[in-house]
Amino acid sequence: LLLVSSLLNAIYYLPIVISAFFGTVSLEFVNIREVSHRMLIPIVILALSTVLFDLIPLNVPLILSTIVAKFLYGGGIGIS
């Protein structure tokens, strides 16, 4: 069953891959410029936070959500 599913997925995606790598460029995409620096800021922030959360040995989102849950439901500032 998995082999049939993989074969069907390959058949479905084959035209997309062929047009992406071997197709011609449409005329509407010829005058595309680079993105402005204002649009790069969120991308850089997301990339840096992804690398930072990967390298930190702590589970920062869990710690922050625990602090917020203790604050909201525990009646204190939540830092123990």
PDB file of N, CA and C in Angstrom:
ATOM      1  N   LEU A   1       0.819  -1.192   0.000  1.00  0.00           N
ATOM      2  CA  LEU A   1       0.000   0.000   0.000  1.00  0.00           C
ATOM      3  C   LEU A   1       0.872   1.268   0.000  1.00  0.00           C
ATOM      4  N   LEU A   2       1.955   1.247   0.773  1.00  0.00           N
ATOM      5  CA  LEU A   2       2.852   2.401   0.799  1.00  0.00           C
ATOM      6  C   LEU A   2       3.571   2.584  -0.529  1.00  0.00           C
ATOM      7  N   LEU A   3       3.901   1.487  -1.167  1.00  0.00           N
ATOM      8  CA  LEU A   3       4.575   1.577  -2.453  1.00  0.00           C
ATOM      9  C   LEU A   3       3.649   2.175  -3.512  1.00  0.00           C
ATOM     10  N   VAL A   4       2.388   1.772  -3.505  1.00  0.00           N
ATOM     11  CA  VAL A   4       1.411   2.322  -4.444  1.00  0.00           C
ATOM     12  C   VAL A   4       1.194   3.804  -4.169  1.00  0.00           C
ATOM     13  N   SER A   5       1.115   4.177  -2.900  1.00  0.00           N
ATOM     14  CA  SER A   5       0.942   5.584  -2.531  1.00  0.00           C
ATOM     15  C   SER A   5       2.142   6.416  -2.970  1.00  0.00           C
ATOM     16  N   SER A   6       3.327   5.908  -2.779  1.00  0.00           N
ATOM     17  CA  SER A   6       4.528   6.626  -3.206  1.00  0.00           C
ATOM     18  C   SER A   6       4.583   6.764  -4.723  1.00  0.00           C
ATOM     19  N   LEU A   7       4.185   5.727  -5.437  1.00  0.00           N
ATOM     20  CA  LEU A   7       4.168   5.789  -6.891  1.00  0.00           C
ATOM     21  C   LEU A   7       3.147   6.804  -7.389  1.00  0.00           C
ATOM     22  N   LEU A   8       1.961   6.838  -6.793  1.00  0.00           N
ATOM     23  CA  LEU A   8       0.951   7.817  -7.175  1.00  0.00           C
ATOM     24  C   LEU A   8       1.409   9.241  -6.877  1.00  0.00           C
ATOM     25  N   ASN A   9       2.057   9.452  -5.740  1.00  0.00           N
ATOM     26  CA  ASN A   9       2.593  10.780  -5.420  1.00  0.00           C
ATOM     27  C   ASN A   9       3.648  11.209  -6.425  1.00  0.00           C
ATOM     28  N   ALA A  10       4.505  10.287  -6.825  1.00  0.00           N
ATOM     29  CA  ALA A  10       5.528  10.615  -7.820  1.00  0.00           C
ATOM     30  C   ALA A  10       4.891  10.975  -9.148  1.00  0.00           C
ATOM     31  N   ILE A  11       3.848  10.262  -9.522  1.00  0.00           N
ATOM     32  CA  ILE A  11       3.163  10.562 -10.788  1.00  0.00           C
ATOM     33  C   ILE A  11       2.465  11.912 -10.705  1.00  0.00           C
ATOM     34  N   TYR A  12       1.858  12.226  -9.567  1.00  0.00           N
ATOM     35  CA  TYR A  12       1.162  13.507  -9.411  1.00  0.00           C
ATOM     36  C   TYR A  12       2.135  14.688  -9.425  1.00  0.00           C
ATOM     37  N   TYR A  13       3.290  14.529  -8.798  1.00  0.00           N
ATOM     38  CA  TYR A  13       4.232  15.640  -8.678  1.00  0.00           C
ATOM     39  C   TYR A  13       5.198  15.753  -9.854  1.00  0.00           C
ATOM     40  N   LEU A  14       5.267  14.756 -10.695  1.00  0.00           N
ATOM     41  CA  LEU A  14       6.208  14.778 -11.813  1.00  0.00           C
ATOM     42  C   LEU A  14       5.982  15.961 -12.757  1.00  0.00           C
ATOM     43  N   PRO A  15       4.755  16.300 -13.163  1.00  0.00           N
ATOM     44  CA  PRO A  15       4.592  17.482 -14.030  1.00  0.00           C
ATOM     45  C   PRO A  15       5.008  18.788 -13.361  1.00  0.00           C
ATOM     46  N   ILE A  16       4.811  18.904 -12.061  1.00  0.00           N
ATOM     47  CA  ILE A  16       5.213  20.112 -11.338  1.00  0.00           C
ATOM     48  C   ILE A  16       6.730  20.237 -11.335  1.00  0.00           C
ATOM     49  N   VAL A  17       7.409  19.144 -11.066  1.00  0.00           N
ATOM     50  CA  VAL A  17       8.871  19.162 -11.022  1.00  0.00           C
ATOM     51  C   VAL A  17       9.438  19.443 -12.411  1.00  0.00           C
ATOM     52  N   ILE A  18       8.867  18.849 -13.432  1.00  0.00           N
ATOM     53  CA  ILE A  18       9.364  19.074 -14.791  1.00  0.00           C
ATOM     54  C   ILE A  18       9.177  20.528 -15.198  1.00  0.00           C
ATOM     55  N   SER A  19       8.010  21.103 -14.897  1.00  0.00           N
ATOM     56  CA  SER A  19       7.800  22.503 -15.282  1.00  0.00           C
ATOM     57  C   SER A  19       8.635  23.456 -14.430  1.00  0.00           C
ATOM     58  N   ALA A  20       8.932  23.092 -13.200  1.00  0.00           N
ATOM     59  CA  ALA A  20       9.735  23.970 -12.343  1.00  0.00           C
ATOM     60  C   ALA A  20      11.192  24.000 -12.777  1.00  0.00           C
ATOM     61  N   PHE A  21      11.734  22.861 -13.142  1.00  0.00           N
ATOM     62  CA  PHE A  21      13.159  22.803 -13.449  1.00  0.00           C
ATOM     63  C   PHE A  21      13.474  22.908 -14.935  1.00  0.00           C
ATOM     64  N   PHE A  22      12.547  22.486 -15.789  1.00  0.00           N
ATOM     65  CA  PHE A  22      12.839  22.445 -17.209  1.00  0.00           C
ATOM     66  C   PHE A  22      11.916  23.321 -18.040  1.00  0.00           C
ATOM     67  N   GLY A  23      10.987  24.019 -17.403  1.00  0.00           N
ATOM     68  CA  GLY A  23      10.038  24.848 -18.133  1.00  0.00           C
ATOM     69  C   GLY A  23      10.618  26.194 -18.507  1.00  0.00           C
ATOM     70  N   THR A  24       9.857  26.942 -19.287  1.00  0.00           N
ATOM     71  CA  THR A  24      10.283  28.275 -19.681  1.00  0.00           C
ATOM     72  C   THR A  24       9.732  29.302 -18.697  1.00  0.00           C
ATOM     73  N   VAL A  25      10.368  30.450 -18.642  1.00  0.00           N
ATOM     74  CA  VAL A  25       9.951  31.519 -17.747  1.00  0.00           C
ATOM     75  C   VAL A  25       8.815  32.293 -18.394  1.00  0.00           C
ATOM     76  N   SER A  26       7.754  32.493 -17.649  1.00  0.00           N
ATOM     77  CA  SER A  26       6.620  33.256 -18.159  1.00  0.00           C
ATOM     78  C   SER A  26       6.991  34.734 -18.243  1.00  0.00           C
ATOM     79  N   LEU A  27       6.371  35.451 -19.148  1.00  0.00           N
ATOM     80  CA  LEU A  27       6.696  36.864 -19.346  1.00  0.00           C
ATOM     81  C   LEU A  27       6.292  37.734 -18.166  1.00  0.00           C
ATOM     82  N   GLU A  28       5.331  37.300 -17.389  1.00  0.00           N
ATOM     83  CA  GLU A  28       4.911  38.109 -16.252  1.00  0.00           C
ATOM     84  C   GLU A  28       5.928  38.088 -15.108  1.00  0.00           C
ATOM     85  N   PHE A  29       6.875  37.148 -15.132  1.00  0.00           N
ATOM     86  CA  PHE A  29       7.884  37.060 -14.081  1.00  0.00           C
ATOM     87  C   PHE A  29       9.243  37.587 -14.513  1.00  0.00           C
ATOM     88  N   VAL A  30       9.325  38.259 -15.649  1.00  0.00           N
ATOM     89  CA  VAL A  30      10.604  38.728 -16.161  1.00  0.00           C
ATOM     90  C   VAL A  30      11.106  39.938 -15.374  1.00  0.00           C
ATOM     91  N   ASN A  31      10.233  40.839 -14.980  1.00  0.00           N
ATOM     92  CA  ASN A  31      10.644  42.086 -14.319  1.00  0.00           C
ATOM     93  C   ASN A  31      10.572  42.009 -12.799  1.00  0.00           C
ATOM     94  N   ILE A  32      10.786  40.852 -12.220  1.00  0.00           N
ATOM     95  CA  ILE A  32      10.766  40.699 -10.768  1.00  0.00           C
ATOM     96  C   ILE A  32      12.071  41.242 -10.195  1.00  0.00           C
ATOM     97  N   ARG A  33      11.957  42.082  -9.166  1.00  0.00           N
ATOM     98  CA  ARG A  33      13.142  42.640  -8.512  1.00  0.00           C
ATOM     99  C   ARG A  33      13.354  41.947  -7.172  1.00  0.00           C
ATOM    100  N   GLU A  34      14.476  42.243  -6.549  1.00  0.00           N
ATOM    101  CA  GLU A  34      14.748  41.711  -5.225  1.00  0.00           C
ATOM    102  C   GLU A  34      13.798  42.344  -4.213  1.00  0.00           C
ATOM    103  N   VAL A  35      13.586  41.656  -3.121  1.00  0.00           N
ATOM    104  CA  VAL A  35      12.689  42.151  -2.094  1.00  0.00           C
ATOM    105  C   VAL A  35      13.353  43.314  -1.340  1.00  0.00           C
ATOM    106  N   SER A  36      12.538  44.246  -0.864  1.00  0.00           N
ATOM    107  CA  SER A  36      13.094  45.393  -0.144  1.00  0.00           C
ATOM    108  C   SER A  36      13.616  44.962   1.226  1.00  0.00           C
ATOM    109  N   HIS A  37      14.408  45.824   1.835  1.00  0.00           N
ATOM    110  CA  HIS A  37      14.987  45.504   3.144  1.00  0.00           C
ATOM    111  C   HIS A  37      13.921  45.416   4.230  1.00  0.00           C
ATOM    112  N   ARG A  38      12.833  46.153   4.065  1.00  0.00           N
ATOM    113  CA  ARG A  38      11.746  46.076   5.049  1.00  0.00           C
ATOM    114  C   ARG A  38      11.090  44.702   5.052  1.00  0.00           C
ATOM    115  N   MET A  39      11.056  44.062   3.926  1.00  0.00           N
ATOM    116  CA  MET A  39      10.465  42.733   3.852  1.00  0.00           C
ATOM    117  C   MET A  39      11.436  41.653   4.322  1.00  0.00           C
ATOM    118  N   LEU A  40      12.719  41.951   4.342  1.00  0.00           N
ATOM    119  CA  LEU A  40      13.711  40.985   4.803  1.00  0.00           C
ATOM    120  C   LEU A  40      13.772  40.893   6.323  1.00  0.00           C
ATOM    121  N   ILE A  41      13.323  41.923   7.022  1.00  0.00           N
ATOM    122  CA  ILE A  41      13.417  41.942   8.482  1.00  0.00           C
ATOM    123  C   ILE A  41      12.653  40.779   9.120  1.00  0.00           C
ATOM    124  N   PRO A  42      11.377  40.518   8.783  1.00  0.00           N
ATOM    125  CA  PRO A  42      10.694  39.375   9.399  1.00  0.00           C
ATOM    126  C   PRO A  42      11.321  38.032   9.038  1.00  0.00           C
ATOM    127  N   ILE A  43      11.855  37.920   7.821  1.00  0.00           N
ATOM    128  CA  ILE A  43      12.486  36.667   7.418  1.00  0.00           C
ATOM    129  C   ILE A  43      13.742  36.417   8.241  1.00  0.00           C
ATOM    130  N   VAL A  44      14.529  37.459   8.442  1.00  0.00           N
ATOM    131  CA  VAL A  44      15.763  37.320   9.227  1.00  0.00           C
ATOM    132  C   VAL A  44      15.441  37.028  10.690  1.00  0.00           C
ATOM    133  N   ILE A  45      14.418  37.694  11.235  1.00  0.00           N
ATOM    134  CA  ILE A  45      14.021  37.436  12.625  1.00  0.00           C
ATOM    135  C   ILE A  45      13.571  35.991  12.789  1.00  0.00           C
ATOM    136  N   LEU A  46      12.775  35.494  11.861  1.00  0.00           N
ATOM    137  CA  LEU A  46      12.312  34.112  11.931  1.00  0.00           C
ATOM    138  C   LEU A  46      13.470  33.133  11.811  1.00  0.00           C
ATOM    139  N   ALA A  47      14.395  33.399  10.897  1.00  0.00           N
ATOM    140  CA  ALA A  47      15.542  32.505  10.723  1.00  0.00           C
ATOM    141  C   ALA A  47      16.429  32.498  11.958  1.00  0.00           C
ATOM    142  N   LEU A  48      16.702  33.671  12.518  1.00  0.00           N
ATOM    143  CA  LEU A  48      17.547  33.740  13.716  1.00  0.00           C
ATOM    144  C   LEU A  48      16.876  33.096  14.924  1.00  0.00           C
ATOM    145  N   SER A  49      15.577  33.309  15.082  1.00  0.00           N
ATOM    146  CA  SER A  49      14.894  32.694  16.228  1.00  0.00           C
ATOM    147  C   SER A  49      14.819  31.185  16.071  1.00  0.00           C
ATOM    148  N   THR A  50      14.701  30.696  14.830  1.00  0.00           N
ATOM    149  CA  THR A  50      14.703  29.253  14.617  1.00  0.00           C
ATOM    150  C   THR A  50      16.047  28.658  15.008  1.00  0.00           C
ATOM    151  N   VAL A  51      17.126  29.284  14.589  1.00  0.00           N
ATOM    152  CA  VAL A  51      18.459  28.793  14.946  1.00  0.00           C
ATOM    153  C   VAL A  51      18.689  28.932  16.443  1.00  0.00           C
ATOM    154  N   LEU A  52      18.244  30.031  17.036  1.00  0.00           N
ATOM    155  CA  LEU A  52      18.442  30.252  18.461  1.00  0.00           C
ATOM    156  C   LEU A  52      17.683  29.219  19.291  1.00  0.00           C
ATOM    157  N   PHE A  53      16.418  28.968  18.946  1.00  0.00           N
ATOM    158  CA  PHE A  53      15.639  27.976  19.694  1.00  0.00           C
ATOM    159  C   PHE A  53      16.168  26.567  19.483  1.00  0.00           C
ATOM    160  N   ASP A  54      16.857  26.339  18.374  1.00  0.00           N
ATOM    161  CA  ASP A  54      17.440  25.027  18.144  1.00  0.00           C
ATOM    162  C   ASP A  54      18.707  24.838  18.965  1.00  0.00           C
ATOM    163  N   LEU A  55      19.479  25.888  19.143  1.00  0.00           N
ATOM    164  CA  LEU A  55      20.760  25.757  19.837  1.00  0.00           C
ATOM    165  C   LEU A  55      20.643  25.834  21.354  1.00  0.00           C
ATOM    166  N   ILE A  56      19.600  26.483  21.853  1.00  0.00           N
ATOM    167  CA  ILE A  56      19.421  26.592  23.302  1.00  0.00           C
ATOM    168  C   ILE A  56      19.005  25.229  23.844  1.00  0.00           C
ATOM    169  N   PRO A  57      19.693  24.724  24.864  1.00  0.00           N
ATOM    170  CA  PRO A  57      19.341  23.387  25.372  1.00  0.00           C
ATOM    171  C   PRO A  57      18.068  23.376  26.213  1.00  0.00           C
ATOM    172  N   LEU A  58      17.463  24.511  26.421  1.00  0.00           N
ATOM    173  CA  LEU A  58      16.233  24.577  27.202  1.00  0.00           C
ATOM    174  C   LEU A  58      15.033  24.604  26.272  1.00  0.00           C
ATOM    175  N   ASN A  59      13.904  24.190  26.794  1.00  0.00           N
ATOM    176  CA  ASN A  59      12.669  24.270  26.034  1.00  0.00           C
ATOM    177  C   ASN A  59      12.008  25.602  26.366  1.00  0.00           C
ATOM    178  N   VAL A  60      12.450  26.664  25.700  1.00  0.00           N
ATOM    179  CA  VAL A  60      12.019  28.027  26.006  1.00  0.00           C
ATOM    180  C   VAL A  60      10.510  28.214  25.832  1.00  0.00           C
ATOM    181  N   PRO A  61       9.892  27.720  24.754  1.00  0.00           N
ATOM    182  CA  PRO A  61       8.438  27.906  24.654  1.00  0.00           C
ATOM    183  C   PRO A  61       7.671  27.233  25.794  1.00  0.00           C
ATOM    184  N   LEU A  62       8.127  26.067  26.242  1.00  0.00           N
ATOM    185  CA  LEU A  62       7.469  25.400  27.362  1.00  0.00           C
ATOM    186  C   LEU A  62       7.644  26.195  28.642  1.00  0.00           C
ATOM    187  N   ILE A  63       8.827  26.720  28.868  1.00  0.00           N
ATOM    188  CA  ILE A  63       9.072  27.515  30.074  1.00  0.00           C
ATOM    189  C   ILE A  63       8.216  28.776  30.064  1.00  0.00           C
ATOM    190  N   LEU A  64       8.159  29.464  28.913  1.00  0.00           N
ATOM    191  CA  LEU A  64       7.342  30.675  28.827  1.00  0.00           C
ATOM    192  C   LEU A  64       5.864  30.373  28.997  1.00  0.00           C
ATOM    193  N   SER A  65       5.385  29.281  28.403  1.00  0.00           N
ATOM    194  CA  SER A  65       3.970  28.947  28.557  1.00  0.00           C
ATOM    195  C   SER A  65       3.650  28.524  29.978  1.00  0.00           C
ATOM    196  N   THR A  66       4.591  27.886  30.667  1.00  0.00           N
ATOM    197  CA  THR A  66       4.383  27.539  32.066  1.00  0.00           C
ATOM    198  C   THR A  66       4.303  28.792  32.923  1.00  0.00           C
ATOM    199  N   ILE A  67       5.150  29.757  32.674  1.00  0.00           N
ATOM    200  CA  ILE A  67       5.106  31.018  33.424  1.00  0.00           C
ATOM    201  C   ILE A  67       3.784  31.733  33.193  1.00  0.00           C
ATOM    202  N   VAL A  68       3.338  31.781  31.946  1.00  0.00           N
ATOM    203  CA  VAL A  68       2.068  32.445  31.643  1.00  0.00           C
ATOM    204  C   VAL A  68       0.905  31.699  32.275  1.00  0.00           C
ATOM    205  N   ALA A  69       0.931  30.359  32.230  1.00  0.00           N
ATOM    206  CA  ALA A  69      -0.156  29.580  32.833  1.00  0.00           C
ATOM    207  C   ALA A  69      -0.197  29.766  34.336  1.00  0.00           C
ATOM    208  N   LYS A  70       0.979  29.796  34.990  1.00  0.00           N
ATOM    209  CA  LYS A  70       1.000  30.033  36.432  1.00  0.00           C
ATOM    210  C   LYS A  70       0.512  31.429  36.762  1.00  0.00           C
ATOM    211  N   PHE A  71       0.855  32.389  35.922  1.00  0.00           N
ATOM    212  CA  PHE A  71       0.396  33.758  36.158  1.00  0.00           C
ATOM    213  C   PHE A  71      -1.116  33.874  35.993  1.00  0.00           C
ATOM    214  N   LEU A  72      -1.640  33.268  34.945  1.00  0.00           N
ATOM    215  CA  LEU A  72      -3.070  33.384  34.674  1.00  0.00           C
ATOM    216  C   LEU A  72      -3.914  32.566  35.628  1.00  0.00           C
ATOM    217  N   TYR A  73      -3.471  31.351  35.969  1.00  0.00           N
ATOM    218  CA  TYR A  73      -4.282  30.462  36.782  1.00  0.00           C
ATOM    219  C   TYR A  73      -3.798  30.301  38.204  1.00  0.00           C
ATOM    220  N   GLY A  74      -2.572  30.734  38.496  1.00  0.00           N
ATOM    221  CA  GLY A  74      -2.022  30.516  39.821  1.00  0.00           C
ATOM    222  C   GLY A  74      -2.078  31.733  40.728  1.00  0.00           C
ATOM    223  N   GLY A  75      -2.321  32.893  40.166  1.00  0.00           N
ATOM    224  CA  GLY A  75      -2.455  34.086  40.981  1.00  0.00           C
ATOM    225  C   GLY A  75      -1.163  34.758  41.365  1.00  0.00           C
ATOM    226  N   GLY A  76      -0.068  34.421  40.746  1.00  0.00           N
ATOM    227  CA  GLY A  76       1.195  35.052  41.068  1.00  0.00           C
ATOM    228  C   GLY A  76       1.909  35.464  39.810  1.00  0.00           C
ATOM    229  N   ILE A  77       3.172  35.828  39.956  1.00  0.00           N
ATOM    230  CA  ILE A  77       3.918  36.203  38.759  1.00  0.00           C
ATOM    231  C   ILE A  77       4.437  34.993  38.025  1.00  0.00           C
ATOM    232  N   GLY A  78       4.383  33.811  38.617  1.00  0.00           N
ATOM    233  CA  GLY A  78       4.679  32.582  37.914  1.00  0.00           C
ATOM    234  C   GLY A  78       6.132  32.200  37.830  1.00  0.00           C
ATOM    235  N   ILE A  79       7.015  32.984  38.403  1.00  0.00           N
ATOM    236  CA  ILE A  79       8.447  32.647  38.363  1.00  0.00           C
ATOM    237  C   ILE A  79       8.784  31.942  39.662  1.00  0.00           C
ATOM    238  N   SER A  80       9.258  30.682  39.535  1.00  0.00           N
ATOM    239  CA  SER A  80       9.552  29.937  40.752  1.00  0.00           C
ATOM    240  C   SER A  80      11.033  29.707  40.899  1.00  0.00           C
TER     241      SER A  80
END
